[in-house]
Amino acid sequence: DSSMPPSMRCVYKCEKEGSDSLNRKAMLNQLQEVALTTPDKERAGQVCPRNN
């Protein structure tokens, strides 16, 4: 129901504390390393240009 405010639409409240502090720089470095070492996937089919 879009007439309800978002805080009332989802009544789930998580009481759990965070597990550890976030090391943003280490996380970004790890994501970049994974992205660079993961091979690209082959396309399943040929890409056709759109006709406008």
PDB file of N, CA and C in Angstrom:
ATOM      1  N   ASP A   1       0.851  -1.182   0.000  1.00  0.00           N
ATOM      2  CA  ASP A   1       0.000   0.000   0.000  1.00  0.00           C
ATOM      3  C   ASP A   1       0.890   1.237   0.000  1.00  0.00           C
ATOM      4  N   SER A   2       0.859   2.005  -1.060  1.00  0.00           N
ATOM      5  CA  SER A   2       1.738   3.169  -1.179  1.00  0.00           C
ATOM      6  C   SER A   2       1.300   4.340  -0.316  1.00  0.00           C
ATOM      7  N   SER A   3       0.102   4.278   0.262  1.00  0.00           N
ATOM      8  CA  SER A   3      -0.340   5.374   1.120  1.00  0.00           C
ATOM      9  C   SER A   3       0.277   5.284   2.520  1.00  0.00           C
ATOM     10  N   MET A   4       0.859   4.127   2.854  1.00  0.00           N
ATOM     11  CA  MET A   4       1.507   3.963   4.160  1.00  0.00           C
ATOM     12  C   MET A   4       2.948   4.449   4.088  1.00  0.00           C
ATOM     13  N   PRO A   5       3.458   5.056   5.133  1.00  0.00           N
ATOM     14  CA  PRO A   5       4.864   5.457   5.139  1.00  0.00           C
ATOM     15  C   PRO A   5       5.774   4.227   5.137  1.00  0.00           C
ATOM     16  N   PRO A   6       6.977   4.337   4.571  1.00  0.00           N
ATOM     17  CA  PRO A   6       7.876   3.185   4.488  1.00  0.00           C
ATOM     18  C   PRO A   6       8.160   2.530   5.835  1.00  0.00           C
ATOM     19  N   SER A   7       8.230   3.311   6.899  1.00  0.00           N
ATOM     20  CA  SER A   7       8.526   2.732   8.214  1.00  0.00           C
ATOM     21  C   SER A   7       7.415   1.818   8.702  1.00  0.00           C
ATOM     22  N   MET A   8       6.210   1.993   8.198  1.00  0.00           N
ATOM     23  CA  MET A   8       5.094   1.139   8.604  1.00  0.00           C
ATOM     24  C   MET A   8       4.909  -0.049   7.662  1.00  0.00           C
ATOM     25  N   ARG A   9       5.439   0.029   6.434  1.00  0.00           N
ATOM     26  CA  ARG A   9       5.293  -1.073   5.482  1.00  0.00           C
ATOM     27  C   ARG A   9       6.112  -2.278   5.907  1.00  0.00           C
ATOM     28  N   CYS A  10       7.298  -2.043   6.414  1.00  0.00           N
ATOM     29  CA  CYS A  10       8.168  -3.134   6.853  1.00  0.00           C
ATOM     30  C   CYS A  10       8.283  -3.066   8.366  1.00  0.00           C
ATOM     31  N   VAL A  11       7.685  -4.012   9.054  1.00  0.00           N
ATOM     32  CA  VAL A  11       7.670  -3.987  10.511  1.00  0.00           C
ATOM     33  C   VAL A  11       8.822  -4.790  11.116  1.00  0.00           C
ATOM     34  N   TYR A  12       9.670  -5.395  10.278  1.00  0.00           N
ATOM     35  CA  TYR A  12      10.795  -6.180  10.785  1.00  0.00           C
ATOM     36  C   TYR A  12      11.858  -5.249  11.364  1.00  0.00           C
ATOM     37  N   LYS A  13      12.254  -5.497  12.593  1.00  0.00           N
ATOM     38  CA  LYS A  13      13.301  -4.728  13.258  1.00  0.00           C
ATOM     39  C   LYS A  13      14.406  -5.695  13.673  1.00  0.00           C
ATOM     40  N   CYS A  14      15.610  -5.478  13.188  1.00  0.00           N
ATOM     41  CA  CYS A  14      16.741  -6.339  13.529  1.00  0.00           C
ATOM     42  C   CYS A  14      17.404  -5.821  14.799  1.00  0.00           C
ATOM     43  N   GLU A  15      17.504  -6.679  15.794  1.00  0.00           N
ATOM     44  CA  GLU A  15      18.107  -6.308  17.075  1.00  0.00           C
ATOM     45  C   GLU A  15      19.567  -6.748  17.160  1.00  0.00           C
ATOM     46  N   LYS A  16      20.078  -7.413  16.132  1.00  0.00           N
ATOM     47  CA  LYS A  16      21.429  -7.958  16.149  1.00  0.00           C
ATOM     48  C   LYS A  16      22.468  -6.848  15.994  1.00  0.00           C
ATOM     49  N   GLU A  17      23.529  -6.942  16.777  1.00  0.00           N
ATOM     50  CA  GLU A  17      24.641  -5.998  16.666  1.00  0.00           C
ATOM     51  C   GLU A  17      25.521  -6.400  15.486  1.00  0.00           C
ATOM     52  N   GLY A  18      26.267  -5.454  14.962  1.00  0.00           N
ATOM     53  CA  GLY A  18      27.193  -5.744  13.878  1.00  0.00           C
ATOM     54  C   GLY A  18      28.286  -6.697  14.334  1.00  0.00           C
ATOM     55  N   SER A  19      28.800  -7.523  13.428  1.00  0.00           N
ATOM     56  CA  SER A  19      29.777  -8.532  13.811  1.00  0.00           C
ATOM     57  C   SER A  19      31.179  -7.957  13.966  1.00  0.00           C
ATOM     58  N   ASP A  20      31.525  -6.926  13.205  1.00  0.00           N
ATOM     59  CA  ASP A  20      32.865  -6.362  13.267  1.00  0.00           C
ATOM     60  C   ASP A  20      32.836  -4.987  12.618  1.00  0.00           C
ATOM     61  N   SER A  21      33.888  -4.242  12.841  1.00  0.00           N
ATOM     62  CA  SER A  21      33.963  -2.935  12.191  1.00  0.00           C
ATOM     63  C   SER A  21      34.286  -3.135  10.712  1.00  0.00           C
ATOM     64  N   LEU A  22      33.881  -2.204   9.900  1.00  0.00           N
ATOM     65  CA  LEU A  22      34.057  -2.298   8.457  1.00  0.00           C
ATOM     66  C   LEU A  22      35.367  -1.646   8.054  1.00  0.00           C
ATOM     67  N   ASN A  23      36.207  -2.395   7.359  1.00  0.00           N
ATOM     68  CA  ASN A  23      37.439  -1.853   6.815  1.00  0.00           C
ATOM     69  C   ASN A  23      37.194  -1.630   5.331  1.00  0.00           C
ATOM     70  N   ARG A  24      36.735  -0.436   4.988  1.00  0.00           N
ATOM     71  CA  ARG A  24      36.299  -0.129   3.623  1.00  0.00           C
ATOM     72  C   ARG A  24      37.431  -0.281   2.613  1.00  0.00           C
ATOM     73  N   LYS A  25      38.618   0.189   2.959  1.00  0.00           N
ATOM     74  CA  LYS A  25      39.745   0.131   2.029  1.00  0.00           C
ATOM     75  C   LYS A  25      40.116  -1.319   1.711  1.00  0.00           C
ATOM     76  N   ALA A  26      40.156  -2.180   2.735  1.00  0.00           N
ATOM     77  CA  ALA A  26      40.480  -3.591   2.515  1.00  0.00           C
ATOM     78  C   ALA A  26      39.403  -4.268   1.677  1.00  0.00           C
ATOM     79  N   MET A  27      38.135  -3.922   1.925  1.00  0.00           N
ATOM     80  CA  MET A  27      37.043  -4.506   1.163  1.00  0.00           C
ATOM     81  C   MET A  27      37.139  -4.107  -0.314  1.00  0.00           C
ATOM     82  N   LEU A  28      37.404  -2.827  -0.586  1.00  0.00           N
ATOM     83  CA  LEU A  28      37.518  -2.372  -1.970  1.00  0.00           C
ATOM     84  C   LEU A  28      38.713  -3.007  -2.667  1.00  0.00           C
ATOM     85  N   ASN A  29      39.828  -3.155  -1.956  1.00  0.00           N
ATOM     86  CA  ASN A  29      41.001  -3.804  -2.544  1.00  0.00           C
ATOM     87  C   ASN A  29      40.702  -5.258  -2.889  1.00  0.00           C
ATOM     88  N   GLN A  30      39.994  -5.962  -2.005  1.00  0.00           N
ATOM     89  CA  GLN A  30      39.655  -7.360  -2.257  1.00  0.00           C
ATOM     90  C   GLN A  30      38.701  -7.484  -3.443  1.00  0.00           C
ATOM     91  N   LEU A  31      37.711  -6.602  -3.522  1.00  0.00           N
ATOM     92  CA  LEU A  31      36.769  -6.635  -4.647  1.00  0.00           C
ATOM     93  C   LEU A  31      37.475  -6.343  -5.965  1.00  0.00           C
ATOM     94  N   GLN A  32      38.405  -5.396  -5.952  1.00  0.00           N
ATOM     95  CA  GLN A  32      39.141  -5.065  -7.172  1.00  0.00           C
ATOM     96  C   GLN A  32      40.023  -6.234  -7.602  1.00  0.00           C
ATOM     97  N   GLU A  33      40.662  -6.897  -6.645  1.00  0.00           N
ATOM     98  CA  GLU A  33      41.502  -8.049  -6.958  1.00  0.00           C
ATOM     99  C   GLU A  33      40.681  -9.172  -7.578  1.00  0.00           C
ATOM    100  N   VAL A  34      39.515  -9.446  -7.020  1.00  0.00           N
ATOM    101  CA  VAL A  34      38.635 -10.489  -7.560  1.00  0.00           C
ATOM    102  C   VAL A  34      38.170 -10.110  -8.963  1.00  0.00           C
ATOM    103  N   ALA A  35      37.824  -8.845  -9.166  1.00  0.00           N
ATOM    104  CA  ALA A  35      37.344  -8.397 -10.475  1.00  0.00           C
ATOM    105  C   ALA A  35      38.431  -8.515 -11.536  1.00  0.00           C
ATOM    106  N   LEU A  36      39.664  -8.229 -11.168  1.00  0.00           N
ATOM    107  CA  LEU A  36      40.751  -8.293 -12.141  1.00  0.00           C
ATOM    108  C   LEU A  36      41.183  -9.719 -12.443  1.00  0.00           C
ATOM    109  N   THR A  37      41.038 -10.635 -11.490  1.00  0.00           N
ATOM    110  CA  THR A  37      41.487 -12.011 -11.710  1.00  0.00           C
ATOM    111  C   THR A  37      40.396 -12.920 -12.272  1.00  0.00           C
ATOM    112  N   THR A  38      39.139 -12.492 -12.226  1.00  0.00           N
ATOM    113  CA  THR A  38      38.046 -13.300 -12.757  1.00  0.00           C
ATOM    114  C   THR A  38      38.001 -13.141 -14.277  1.00  0.00           C
ATOM    115  N   PRO A  39      38.061 -14.254 -15.026  1.00  0.00           N
ATOM    116  CA  PRO A  39      38.019 -14.140 -16.489  1.00  0.00           C
ATOM    117  C   PRO A  39      36.642 -13.683 -16.976  1.00  0.00           C
ATOM    118  N   ASP A  40      36.639 -12.970 -18.088  1.00  0.00           N
ATOM    119  CA  ASP A  40      35.388 -12.515 -18.683  1.00  0.00           C
ATOM    120  C   ASP A  40      34.627 -13.707 -19.256  1.00  0.00           C
ATOM    121  N   LYS A  41      33.297 -13.625 -19.228  1.00  0.00           N
ATOM    122  CA  LYS A  41      32.458 -14.684 -19.781  1.00  0.00           C
ATOM    123  C   LYS A  41      32.222 -14.421 -21.266  1.00  0.00           C
ATOM    124  N   GLU A  42      32.142 -15.502 -22.031  1.00  0.00           N
ATOM    125  CA  GLU A  42      31.838 -15.397 -23.457  1.00  0.00           C
ATOM    126  C   GLU A  42      30.362 -15.069 -23.636  1.00  0.00           C
ATOM    127  N   ARG A  43      30.041 -14.305 -24.652  1.00  0.00           N
ATOM    128  CA  ARG A  43      28.641 -14.012 -24.953  1.00  0.00           C
ATOM    129  C   ARG A  43      28.000 -15.242 -25.588  1.00  0.00           C
ATOM    130  N   ALA A  44      26.735 -15.475 -25.265  1.00  0.00           N
ATOM    131  CA  ALA A  44      26.026 -16.647 -25.769  1.00  0.00           C
ATOM    132  C   ALA A  44      25.726 -16.524 -27.259  1.00  0.00           C
ATOM    133  N   GLY A  45      25.454 -15.319 -27.736  1.00  0.00           N
ATOM    134  CA  GLY A  45      25.100 -15.132 -29.135  1.00  0.00           C
ATOM    135  C   GLY A  45      25.694 -13.851 -29.682  1.00  0.00           C
ATOM    136  N   GLN A  46      25.411 -13.622 -30.948  1.00  0.00           N
ATOM    137  CA  GLN A  46      25.929 -12.437 -31.609  1.00  0.00           C
ATOM    138  C   GLN A  46      25.091 -11.221 -31.215  1.00  0.00           C
ATOM    139  N   VAL A  47      25.746 -10.087 -31.052  1.00  0.00           N
ATOM    140  CA  VAL A  47      25.054  -8.854 -30.703  1.00  0.00           C
ATOM    141  C   VAL A  47      24.668  -8.140 -31.991  1.00  0.00           C
ATOM    142  N   CYS A  48      23.378  -7.839 -32.144  1.00  0.00           N
ATOM    143  CA  CYS A  48      22.880  -7.160 -33.337  1.00  0.00           C
ATOM    144  C   CYS A  48      22.584  -5.703 -32.998  1.00  0.00           C
ATOM    145  N   PRO A  49      22.974  -4.773 -33.856  1.00  0.00           N
ATOM    146  CA  PRO A  49      22.664  -3.367 -33.591  1.00  0.00           C
ATOM    147  C   PRO A  49      21.166  -3.110 -33.736  1.00  0.00           C
ATOM    148  N   ARG A  50      20.663  -2.149 -32.963  1.00  0.00           N
ATOM    149  CA  ARG A  50      19.241  -1.788 -33.048  1.00  0.00           C
ATOM    150  C   ARG A  50      19.016  -0.874 -34.239  1.00  0.00           C
ATOM    151  N   ASN A  51      17.919  -1.087 -34.916  1.00  0.00           N
ATOM    152  CA  ASN A  51      17.527  -0.201 -36.014  1.00  0.00           C
ATOM    153  C   ASN A  51      16.524   0.806 -35.487  1.00  0.00           C
ATOM    154  N   ASN A  52      16.837   2.085 -35.624  1.00  0.00           N
ATOM    155  CA  ASN A  52      15.916   3.120 -35.149  1.00  0.00           C
ATOM    156  C   ASN A  52      15.135   3.689 -36.290  1.00  0.00           C
TER     157      ASN A  52
END
